[in-house]
Amino acid sequence: MLGDSLSAGYGIERAEGWPSLLAERLQQEGYPHRVVNASISGETTAGGVRRLPPLLDEHQPAVVVIALGANDGLRGLAVDEVARNLTQMLAASKAGGAVPVLLRVRIPPNYGPQYSARFEQLFDAAAGTHEVVSAPFMLERFALERAAFQADGLHPTAAVQPQILDTLWPAIAQALAQALAHPAPVANAP
């Protein structure tokens, strides 16, 4: 999992975050996979591009969940740059034998409705162009509920982490099914 503070568990105990809950669900449902949460608060898609290749080499994942872009949008980075970065991460994941899952990102309208619309559309375009599993916006179930967020108004509370997992689970389960149906060859195998 490559994400930002929303996946790193900012302001809550790491064990309460949705990635930890995902690890529990995988175990409960009998999946042989483990979760490597390589999320960092403040991460951008450019940081993800730099960090992903060594993570792929080290962990050889079956699935890569890309949960990046919010910080890019909050900083008003060029949509084309974000699209290039996502494309690089999706291509690297696939080249590494993993099934990529791309989470949609929504941003506040700080930079105007045109920027916000173009920014949000790039996630659907990237997922469709690269034939990856597309996941919904992780905060979709409670984005307008003030009580679901910490005092900063940006980071979800521990109480809503199960809702994040429930929102993303169908896409992650789809990627796991694809990975199990077509396992990548093991590195250094004859």
C-alpha atoms as a PDB file:
ATOM      1  CA  MET A   1       0.000   0.000   0.000  1.00  0.00           C
ATOM      2  CA  LEU A   2       1.388   3.315  -1.107  1.00  0.00           C
ATOM      3  CA  GLY A   3      -0.524   6.219   0.376  1.00  0.00           C
ATOM      4  CA  ASP A   4      -0.474   9.440   2.339  1.00  0.00           C
ATOM      5  CA  SER A   5      -1.672  10.383   5.835  1.00  0.00           C
ATOM      6  CA  LEU A   6      -5.141   8.960   5.159  1.00  0.00           C
ATOM      7  CA  SER A   7      -3.588   5.491   4.883  1.00  0.00           C
ATOM      8  CA  ALA A   8      -0.708   6.087   7.296  1.00  0.00           C
ATOM      9  CA  GLY A   9      -3.204   6.568  10.118  1.00  0.00           C
ATOM     10  CA  TYR A  10      -2.474  10.167  10.973  1.00  0.00           C
ATOM     11  CA  GLY A  11      -3.755  11.045  14.448  1.00  0.00           C
ATOM     12  CA  ILE A  12      -4.865   7.521  15.335  1.00  0.00           C
ATOM     13  CA  GLU A  13      -3.130   4.365  16.502  1.00  0.00           C
ATOM     14  CA  ARG A  14      -1.635   2.448  13.578  1.00  0.00           C
ATOM     15  CA  ALA A  15      -3.596  -0.668  14.599  1.00  0.00           C
ATOM     16  CA  GLU A  16      -6.859   1.310  14.230  1.00  0.00           C
ATOM     17  CA  GLY A  17      -6.181   2.376  10.634  1.00  0.00           C
ATOM     18  CA  TRP A  18      -7.924   0.809   7.677  1.00  0.00           C
ATOM     19  CA  PRO A  19      -4.705  -0.901   6.421  1.00  0.00           C
ATOM     20  CA  SER A  20      -4.419  -2.779   9.721  1.00  0.00           C
ATOM     21  CA  LEU A  21      -8.101  -3.656   9.522  1.00  0.00           C
ATOM     22  CA  LEU A  22      -7.457  -4.917   5.977  1.00  0.00           C
ATOM     23  CA  ALA A  23      -4.712  -7.204   7.298  1.00  0.00           C
ATOM     24  CA  GLU A  24      -7.175  -8.603   9.841  1.00  0.00           C
ATOM     25  CA  ARG A  25      -9.829  -9.137   7.170  1.00  0.00           C
ATOM     26  CA  LEU A  26      -7.382 -10.930   4.883  1.00  0.00           C
ATOM     27  CA  GLN A  27      -6.466 -13.281   7.705  1.00  0.00           C
ATOM     28  CA  GLN A  28     -10.094 -13.865   8.718  1.00  0.00           C
ATOM     29  CA  GLU A  29     -11.094 -14.664   5.142  1.00  0.00           C
ATOM     30  CA  GLY A  30      -8.175 -17.034   4.594  1.00  0.00           C
ATOM     31  CA  TYR A  31      -6.128 -15.015   2.122  1.00  0.00           C
ATOM     32  CA  PRO A  32      -2.418 -15.886   2.145  1.00  0.00           C
ATOM     33  CA  HIS A  33      -1.431 -12.229   1.673  1.00  0.00           C
ATOM     34  CA  ARG A  34      -0.005  -9.772   4.171  1.00  0.00           C
ATOM     35  CA  VAL A  35      -0.284  -5.992   4.141  1.00  0.00           C
ATOM     36  CA  VAL A  36       2.805  -3.823   3.811  1.00  0.00           C
ATOM     37  CA  ASN A  37       1.698  -0.290   4.577  1.00  0.00           C
ATOM     38  CA  ALA A  38       4.317   1.986   2.993  1.00  0.00           C
ATOM     39  CA  SER A  39       2.156   5.079   3.425  1.00  0.00           C
ATOM     40  CA  ILE A  40       3.720   8.334   4.623  1.00  0.00           C
ATOM     41  CA  SER A  41       1.962  11.470   5.807  1.00  0.00           C
ATOM     42  CA  GLY A  42       2.395  14.277   3.301  1.00  0.00           C
ATOM     43  CA  GLU A  43       3.304  11.938   0.426  1.00  0.00           C
ATOM     44  CA  THR A  44       2.637  13.051  -3.148  1.00  0.00           C
ATOM     45  CA  THR A  45       2.479  11.105  -6.380  1.00  0.00           C
ATOM     46  CA  ALA A  46       6.045  12.261  -7.168  1.00  0.00           C
ATOM     47  CA  GLY A  47       7.228  10.732  -3.898  1.00  0.00           C
ATOM     48  CA  GLY A  48       5.338   7.556  -4.735  1.00  0.00           C
ATOM     49  CA  VAL A  49       7.105   7.337  -8.108  1.00  0.00           C
ATOM     50  CA  ARG A  50      10.490   7.543  -6.347  1.00  0.00           C
ATOM     51  CA  ARG A  51       9.658   5.105  -3.551  1.00  0.00           C
ATOM     52  CA  LEU A  52       7.719   2.425  -5.429  1.00  0.00           C
ATOM     53  CA  PRO A  53      10.478   0.603  -7.392  1.00  0.00           C
ATOM     54  CA  PRO A  54      12.533  -0.408  -4.336  1.00  0.00           C
ATOM     55  CA  LEU A  55       9.347  -1.404  -2.510  1.00  0.00           C
ATOM     56  CA  LEU A  56       8.358  -3.642  -5.431  1.00  0.00           C
ATOM     57  CA  ASP A  57      11.806  -5.248  -5.423  1.00  0.00           C
ATOM     58  CA  GLU A  58      11.792  -5.778  -1.671  1.00  0.00           C
ATOM     59  CA  HIS A  59       8.254  -7.088  -1.198  1.00  0.00           C
ATOM     60  CA  GLN A  60       7.253  -8.501  -4.626  1.00  0.00           C
ATOM     61  CA  PRO A  61       3.573  -7.796  -3.960  1.00  0.00           C
ATOM     62  CA  ALA A  62       0.641  -9.505  -5.637  1.00  0.00           C
ATOM     63  CA  VAL A  63      -1.418  -6.301  -5.330  1.00  0.00           C
ATOM     64  CA  VAL A  64      -0.350  -2.648  -5.042  1.00  0.00           C
ATOM     65  CA  VAL A  65      -2.897  -0.219  -3.623  1.00  0.00           C
ATOM     66  CA  ILE A  66      -2.106   3.323  -4.781  1.00  0.00           C
ATOM     67  CA  ALA A  67      -3.808   5.821  -2.497  1.00  0.00           C
ATOM     68  CA  LEU A  68      -2.016   8.998  -3.536  1.00  0.00           C
ATOM     69  CA  GLY A  69      -2.976  12.323  -5.043  1.00  0.00           C
ATOM     70  CA  ALA A  70      -4.720  14.214  -2.258  1.00  0.00           C
ATOM     71  CA  ASN A  71      -1.617  16.196  -1.326  1.00  0.00           C
ATOM     72  CA  ASP A  72      -0.957  16.945  -5.004  1.00  0.00           C
ATOM     73  CA  GLY A  73      -4.460  18.365  -5.355  1.00  0.00           C
ATOM     74  CA  LEU A  74      -4.295  20.329  -2.119  1.00  0.00           C
ATOM     75  CA  ARG A  75      -1.078  21.944  -3.404  1.00  0.00           C
ATOM     76  CA  GLY A  76      -2.584  22.702  -6.795  1.00  0.00           C
ATOM     77  CA  LEU A  77      -0.016  20.682  -8.734  1.00  0.00           C
ATOM     78  CA  ALA A  78      -0.488  20.440 -12.481  1.00  0.00           C
ATOM     79  CA  VAL A  79      -3.019  17.766 -13.376  1.00  0.00           C
ATOM     80  CA  ASP A  80      -0.811  16.518 -16.221  1.00  0.00           C
ATOM     81  CA  GLU A  81       2.069  15.989 -13.780  1.00  0.00           C
ATOM     82  CA  VAL A  82      -0.136  14.011 -11.403  1.00  0.00           C
ATOM     83  CA  ALA A  83      -1.407  11.926 -14.343  1.00  0.00           C
ATOM     84  CA  ARG A  84       2.194  11.167 -15.431  1.00  0.00           C
ATOM     85  CA  ASN A  85       3.124  10.124 -11.911  1.00  0.00           C
ATOM     86  CA  LEU A  86       0.098   7.841 -11.582  1.00  0.00           C
ATOM     87  CA  THR A  87       0.873   6.328 -14.990  1.00  0.00           C
ATOM     88  CA  GLN A  88       4.436   5.585 -13.890  1.00  0.00           C
ATOM     89  CA  MET A  89       3.294   3.928 -10.665  1.00  0.00           C
ATOM     90  CA  LEU A  90       0.642   1.844 -12.430  1.00  0.00           C
ATOM     91  CA  ALA A  91       3.114   0.730 -15.102  1.00  0.00           C
ATOM     92  CA  ALA A  92       5.790  -0.095 -12.524  1.00  0.00           C
ATOM     93  CA  SER A  93       3.303  -2.123 -10.469  1.00  0.00           C
ATOM     94  CA  LYS A  94       2.201  -4.121 -13.496  1.00  0.00           C
ATOM     95  CA  ALA A  95       5.794  -4.614 -14.673  1.00  0.00           C
ATOM     96  CA  GLY A  96       6.574  -5.916 -11.187  1.00  0.00           C
ATOM     97  CA  GLY A  97       3.857  -8.549 -11.554  1.00  0.00           C
ATOM     98  CA  ALA A  98       1.345  -6.869  -9.235  1.00  0.00           C
ATOM     99  CA  VAL A  99      -2.287  -6.027  -9.831  1.00  0.00           C
ATOM    100  CA  PRO A 100      -2.612  -2.270  -9.198  1.00  0.00           C
ATOM    101  CA  VAL A 101      -5.597  -0.780  -7.400  1.00  0.00           C
ATOM    102  CA  LEU A 102      -6.010   2.954  -7.948  1.00  0.00           C
ATOM    103  CA  LEU A 103      -8.109   4.828  -5.394  1.00  0.00           C
ATOM    104  CA  ARG A 104     -10.063   7.827  -6.645  1.00  0.00           C
ATOM    105  CA  VAL A 105      -9.286  11.125  -4.981  1.00  0.00           C
ATOM    106  CA  ARG A 106     -11.556  14.094  -4.475  1.00  0.00           C
ATOM    107  CA  ILE A 107     -10.341  17.505  -3.384  1.00  0.00           C
ATOM    108  CA  PRO A 108     -11.960  20.655  -2.026  1.00  0.00           C
ATOM    109  CA  PRO A 109     -12.774  23.307  -4.638  1.00  0.00           C
ATOM    110  CA  ASN A 110      -9.968  25.637  -3.454  1.00  0.00           C
ATOM    111  CA  TYR A 111      -8.486  25.976  -6.961  1.00  0.00           C
ATOM    112  CA  GLY A 112     -11.805  26.357  -8.705  1.00  0.00           C
ATOM    113  CA  PRO A 113     -14.347  23.937 -10.140  1.00  0.00           C
ATOM    114  CA  GLN A 114     -12.439  23.372 -13.400  1.00  0.00           C
ATOM    115  CA  TYR A 115      -9.269  22.262 -11.628  1.00  0.00           C
ATOM    116  CA  SER A 116     -11.208  20.060  -9.196  1.00  0.00           C
ATOM    117  CA  ALA A 117     -13.201  18.404 -11.982  1.00  0.00           C
ATOM    118  CA  ARG A 118     -10.117  17.828 -14.146  1.00  0.00           C
ATOM    119  CA  PHE A 119      -8.188  16.499 -11.167  1.00  0.00           C
ATOM    120  CA  GLU A 120     -10.884  14.033 -10.165  1.00  0.00           C
ATOM    121  CA  GLN A 121     -11.396  12.827 -13.748  1.00  0.00           C
ATOM    122  CA  LEU A 122      -7.736  11.921 -14.144  1.00  0.00           C
ATOM    123  CA  PHE A 123      -8.152   8.966 -11.779  1.00  0.00           C
ATOM    124  CA  ASP A 124     -10.890   7.380 -13.885  1.00  0.00           C
ATOM    125  CA  ALA A 125      -8.881   8.089 -17.039  1.00  0.00           C
ATOM    126  CA  ALA A 126      -5.716   6.541 -15.586  1.00  0.00           C
ATOM    127  CA  ALA A 127      -7.562   3.446 -14.373  1.00  0.00           C
ATOM    128  CA  GLY A 128      -9.281   2.954 -17.721  1.00  0.00           C
ATOM    129  CA  THR A 129      -6.201   3.579 -19.834  1.00  0.00           C
ATOM    130  CA  HIS A 130      -4.029   1.195 -17.859  1.00  0.00           C
ATOM    131  CA  GLU A 131      -6.661  -1.475 -17.200  1.00  0.00           C
ATOM    132  CA  VAL A 132      -6.244  -1.515 -13.458  1.00  0.00           C
ATOM    133  CA  VAL A 133      -8.733  -2.031 -10.670  1.00  0.00           C
ATOM    134  CA  SER A 134     -10.401   1.257  -9.832  1.00  0.00           C
ATOM    135  CA  ALA A 135     -11.537   1.915  -6.270  1.00  0.00           C
ATOM    136  CA  PRO A 136     -13.917   4.595  -5.020  1.00  0.00           C
ATOM    137  CA  PHE A 137     -12.995   7.652  -2.997  1.00  0.00           C
ATOM    138  CA  MET A 138     -12.048   6.243   0.391  1.00  0.00           C
ATOM    139  CA  LEU A 139     -14.003   8.853   2.361  1.00  0.00           C
ATOM    140  CA  GLU A 140     -17.114   8.454   0.229  1.00  0.00           C
ATOM    141  CA  ARG A 141     -19.404   7.080   2.937  1.00  0.00           C
ATOM    142  CA  PHE A 142     -18.868   9.958   5.375  1.00  0.00           C
ATOM    143  CA  ALA A 143     -17.104  12.825   3.555  1.00  0.00           C
ATOM    144  CA  LEU A 144     -19.739  15.370   4.594  1.00  0.00           C
ATOM    145  CA  GLU A 145     -20.064  14.234   8.224  1.00  0.00           C
ATOM    146  CA  ARG A 146     -18.024  16.553  10.458  1.00  0.00           C
ATOM    147  CA  ALA A 147     -18.031  14.040  13.332  1.00  0.00           C
ATOM    148  CA  ALA A 148     -16.179  11.528  11.147  1.00  0.00           C
ATOM    149  CA  PHE A 149     -13.064  13.712  11.134  1.00  0.00           C
ATOM    150  CA  GLN A 150     -10.456  14.730  13.647  1.00  0.00           C
ATOM    151  CA  ALA A 151     -10.208  18.363  14.785  1.00  0.00           C
ATOM    152  CA  ASP A 152      -8.252  19.299  11.616  1.00  0.00           C
ATOM    153  CA  GLY A 153     -11.291  18.445   9.474  1.00  0.00           C
ATOM    154  CA  LEU A 154      -9.115  16.427   7.064  1.00  0.00           C
ATOM    155  CA  HIS A 155      -8.190  13.163   8.730  1.00  0.00           C
ATOM    156  CA  PRO A 156     -10.787  10.530   9.600  1.00  0.00           C
ATOM    157  CA  THR A 157     -11.254   9.316  13.148  1.00  0.00           C
ATOM    158  CA  ALA A 158     -10.556   5.783  14.259  1.00  0.00           C
ATOM    159  CA  ALA A 159     -14.306   5.164  14.457  1.00  0.00           C
ATOM    160  CA  VAL A 160     -14.788   5.453  10.679  1.00  0.00           C
ATOM    161  CA  GLN A 161     -11.800   3.343   9.613  1.00  0.00           C
ATOM    162  CA  PRO A 162     -14.013   0.237   9.214  1.00  0.00           C
ATOM    163  CA  GLN A 163     -16.191   2.249   6.793  1.00  0.00           C
ATOM    164  CA  ILE A 164     -13.103   3.085   4.721  1.00  0.00           C
ATOM    165  CA  LEU A 165     -12.234  -0.602   4.539  1.00  0.00           C
ATOM    166  CA  ASP A 166     -15.811  -1.524   3.598  1.00  0.00           C
ATOM    167  CA  THR A 167     -15.736   1.114   0.838  1.00  0.00           C
ATOM    168  CA  LEU A 168     -12.464  -0.185  -0.617  1.00  0.00           C
ATOM    169  CA  TRP A 169     -12.870  -3.909   0.031  1.00  0.00           C
ATOM    170  CA  PRO A 170     -14.728  -4.814  -3.194  1.00  0.00           C
ATOM    171  CA  ALA A 171     -11.928  -3.349  -5.339  1.00  0.00           C
ATOM    172  CA  ILE A 172      -9.208  -4.936  -3.226  1.00  0.00           C
ATOM    173  CA  ALA A 173     -10.995  -8.304  -3.307  1.00  0.00           C
ATOM    174  CA  GLN A 174     -11.252  -8.005  -7.104  1.00  0.00           C
ATOM    175  CA  ALA A 175      -7.503  -7.359  -7.349  1.00  0.00           C
ATOM    176  CA  LEU A 176      -6.750 -10.276  -5.040  1.00  0.00           C
ATOM    177  CA  ALA A 177      -8.903 -12.561  -7.194  1.00  0.00           C
ATOM    178  CA  GLN A 178      -7.002 -11.431 -10.290  1.00  0.00           C
ATOM    179  CA  ALA A 179      -3.664 -11.964  -8.554  1.00  0.00           C
ATOM    180  CA  LEU A 180      -4.652 -15.452  -7.403  1.00  0.00           C
ATOM    181  CA  ALA A 181      -5.955 -16.366 -10.867  1.00  0.00           C
ATOM    182  CA  HIS A 182      -2.765 -15.172 -12.575  1.00  0.00           C
ATOM    183  CA  PRO A 183       0.110 -15.264 -10.087  1.00  0.00           C
ATOM    184  CA  ALA A 184       3.263 -13.444 -11.090  1.00  0.00           C
ATOM    185  CA  PRO A 185       6.361 -15.586 -11.570  1.00  0.00           C
ATOM    186  CA  VAL A 186       8.576 -15.691  -8.523  1.00  0.00           C
ATOM    187  CA  ALA A 187      11.814 -13.746  -8.917  1.00  0.00           C
ATOM    188  CA  ASN A 188      14.873 -15.946  -9.459  1.00  0.00           C
ATOM    189  CA  ALA A 189      12.670 -18.920 -10.285  1.00  0.00           C
ATOM    190  CA  PRO A 190      14.016 -21.383 -12.888  1.00  0.00           C
END
